[in-house]
Structures are given as C-alpha cells and as structure tokens.
Amino acid sequence: DVRLMLEPEIAAMAAKNATKEDCERIGFWCDEVERLYRSGENHIEKDIAFHACIARCSGNRVVETLIPIIDTAVMTFANLTSRLLMQETLDTHRAVTESIQNGDVVGAKCAMIMHITYNRQRLLKLMEERDVQKN
C-alpha cells in the first residue's frame, strides 16, 4: 500500500524532471532487468537499481531519502512473487521507462500504478492461498 502511495508520484516527478542522462540510466536498468529476467538469472538487484534510479531522477531530495524503503519493498515483492509476474513486470517497467523518457507525467504515474497493482494482486492471492492451506 505504501508503494502504491509513493512510487506512482515518484515516477511522475521523474517524468517531469529527468535529464537526458537520467533517462538513459533508467533505460539501462530497465534493459538489465529484462535481460536477467529472460535469461533466468537473478534480476532482483537490478530491479532495485531500476526503482532507485527512478527515485533519484525525481529531482526531490526527500524522495531520495526514501530509497532504502523502496529498495526493501522491491526486494520483498520480488522474493514473494518469484518469477510469477515476469511478463507483467517487463511490460510495466518498459511502460514506466518510456513514459519517463517521453516526459509523460500521467503515463509514468499510470504505468507505475499498474506495475505495483500486479504485484499487490499477486501477493493478496498468495496470502489467500496460504490462509486456505492453514484451514
């Protein structure tokens, strides 16, 4: 829930404030996550770097202080959902990246909402399945 409150706005700020170099860095991390994910390698460290890069590109110093919280949340989501959301992750990462690179504030926000919503829905389903198994 906290990620859903914060990260869409952070992505929107990045779309508004990112420099050309920032956009290139976001694209690099997006590509790295995709490469590792598709090859079956551990992508989590690069996924964290992708989200941290977006936070840095927001141009807001307070947001930068939130990076450790975002990092932990990304790691938790990735570990819990495992590889269950590969295509959704790649598609929404690409949409976030392209929106930021195009300066599309609303697009970046919406793409990040979708990204986190896929993860959130999968986590809720995993918790529901766990509760059913307990009973």
Protein backbone atom coordinates (compact mmCIF):
# COMPACT_ATOMS: atom_id res chain seq x y z
CA ASP A 1 0.00 0.00 0.00
CA VAL A 2 2.85 2.40 0.81
CA ARG A 3 4.49 1.69 -2.53
CA LEU A 4 1.20 2.46 -4.25
CA MET A 5 1.02 5.78 -2.40
CA LEU A 6 4.59 6.79 -3.20
CA GLU A 7 6.02 5.29 -6.36
CA PRO A 8 3.45 6.47 -8.92
CA GLU A 9 4.05 10.06 -7.81
CA ILE A 10 7.80 9.48 -7.83
CA ALA A 11 7.59 8.17 -11.41
CA ALA A 12 5.53 11.22 -12.37
CA MET A 13 8.14 13.51 -10.83
CA ALA A 14 10.87 11.66 -12.70
CA ALA A 15 8.99 12.14 -15.98
CA LYS A 16 8.86 15.85 -15.25
CA ASN A 17 12.43 16.31 -14.01
CA ALA A 18 14.65 13.63 -15.54
CA THR A 19 17.53 14.82 -17.68
CA LYS A 20 18.60 13.10 -20.89
CA GLU A 21 21.32 11.30 -18.91
CA ASP A 22 18.79 10.26 -16.28
CA CYS A 23 16.56 8.82 -19.00
CA GLU A 24 19.49 6.86 -20.40
CA ARG A 25 20.24 5.42 -16.94
CA ILE A 26 16.61 4.39 -16.41
CA GLY A 27 16.67 2.73 -19.83
CA PHE A 28 19.89 0.91 -18.94
CA TRP A 29 18.42 -0.53 -15.73
CA CYS A 30 15.18 -1.45 -17.48
CA ASP A 31 17.17 -3.34 -20.13
CA GLU A 32 19.32 -5.04 -17.47
CA VAL A 33 16.29 -6.28 -15.53
CA GLU A 34 14.77 -7.63 -18.73
CA ARG A 35 17.99 -9.34 -19.82
CA LEU A 36 18.47 -11.08 -16.49
CA TYR A 37 14.80 -11.96 -16.04
CA ARG A 38 14.55 -13.52 -19.52
CA SER A 39 17.79 -15.47 -19.08
CA GLY A 40 16.57 -16.98 -15.81
CA GLU A 41 19.20 -15.19 -13.74
CA ASN A 42 18.55 -13.35 -10.51
CA HIS A 43 17.24 -9.92 -11.51
CA ILE A 44 16.34 -8.56 -8.07
CA GLU A 45 19.45 -6.41 -7.55
CA LYS A 46 18.92 -4.74 -10.94
CA ASP A 47 15.19 -4.36 -10.25
CA ILE A 48 16.05 -2.50 -7.06
CA ALA A 49 18.52 -0.33 -9.01
CA PHE A 50 15.79 0.46 -11.56
CA HIS A 51 13.38 1.73 -8.89
CA ALA A 52 16.14 3.59 -7.02
CA CYS A 53 17.20 5.27 -10.25
CA ILE A 54 13.65 6.50 -10.84
CA ALA A 55 13.56 7.89 -7.30
CA ARG A 56 16.86 9.71 -7.85
CA CYS A 57 15.60 11.09 -11.16
CA SER A 58 12.59 12.60 -9.42
CA GLY A 59 14.83 15.52 -8.50
CA ASN A 60 13.45 15.56 -4.98
CA ARG A 61 15.85 15.15 -2.05
CA VAL A 62 13.16 13.87 0.29
CA VAL A 63 12.30 11.14 -2.20
CA GLU A 64 15.96 10.17 -2.28
CA THR A 65 15.83 9.53 1.47
CA LEU A 66 13.03 7.03 0.80
CA ILE A 67 15.21 4.88 -1.48
CA PRO A 68 16.11 2.36 1.25
CA ILE A 69 12.41 1.84 1.98
CA ILE A 70 11.65 1.42 -1.72
CA ASP A 71 14.61 -0.97 -2.07
CA THR A 72 13.31 -3.16 0.74
CA ALA A 73 9.80 -3.17 -0.67
CA VAL A 74 11.02 -4.12 -4.16
CA MET A 75 13.11 -6.94 -2.72
CA THR A 76 10.17 -8.22 -0.68
CA PHE A 77 7.79 -8.16 -3.65
CA ALA A 78 10.32 -9.84 -5.94
CA ASN A 79 11.12 -12.58 -3.44
CA LEU A 80 7.48 -13.31 -2.66
CA THR A 81 6.18 -13.29 -6.21
CA SER A 82 9.27 -15.10 -7.52
CA ARG A 83 9.07 -15.34 -11.31
CA LEU A 84 5.27 -15.43 -11.42
CA LEU A 85 4.94 -11.93 -12.88
CA MET A 86 7.76 -11.85 -15.39
CA GLN A 87 5.85 -10.55 -18.40
CA GLU A 88 3.81 -8.09 -16.35
CA THR A 89 6.99 -6.78 -14.74
CA LEU A 90 8.80 -6.39 -18.04
CA ASP A 91 5.83 -4.73 -19.74
CA THR A 92 5.18 -2.26 -16.95
CA HIS A 93 8.88 -1.48 -16.42
CA ARG A 94 9.10 -0.70 -20.13
CA ALA A 95 5.96 1.47 -19.95
CA VAL A 96 7.34 3.39 -16.96
CA THR A 97 10.68 3.83 -18.70
CA GLU A 98 9.22 5.05 -21.98
CA SER A 99 6.83 7.42 -20.21
CA ILE A 100 9.66 8.97 -18.21
CA GLN A 101 11.84 9.22 -21.32
CA ASN A 102 8.99 10.94 -23.18
CA GLY A 103 8.25 13.34 -20.32
CA ASP A 104 4.78 11.81 -19.98
CA VAL A 105 3.91 12.56 -16.36
CA VAL A 106 0.47 10.91 -16.42
CA GLY A 107 1.76 7.90 -18.36
CA ALA A 108 4.60 7.32 -15.90
CA LYS A 109 2.22 7.52 -12.97
CA CYS A 110 -0.30 5.15 -14.57
CA ALA A 111 2.36 2.65 -15.62
CA MET A 112 3.78 2.55 -12.10
CA ILE A 113 0.29 2.08 -10.68
CA MET A 114 -0.16 -0.91 -12.97
CA HIS A 115 3.25 -2.32 -12.03
CA ILE A 116 2.57 -2.18 -8.32
CA THR A 117 -1.03 -3.33 -8.73
CA TYR A 118 0.05 -6.54 -10.48
CA ASN A 119 2.43 -7.24 -7.60
CA ARG A 120 -0.14 -6.36 -4.97
CA GLN A 121 -2.81 -8.58 -6.51
CA ARG A 122 -0.39 -11.50 -6.70
CA LEU A 123 0.63 -11.04 -3.07
CA LEU A 124 -3.00 -10.94 -1.97
CA LYS A 125 -3.64 -14.16 -3.88
CA LEU A 126 -0.59 -15.83 -2.29
CA MET A 127 -1.80 -14.80 1.18
CA GLU A 128 -5.28 -16.10 0.42
CA GLU A 129 -3.87 -19.45 -0.75
CA ARG A 130 -1.74 -19.66 2.39
CA ASP A 131 -4.79 -19.00 4.58
CA VAL A 132 -6.78 -21.70 2.76
CA GLN A 133 -3.96 -24.19 3.33
CA LYS A 134 -3.92 -23.40 7.05
CA ASN A 135 -7.64 -24.20 7.37
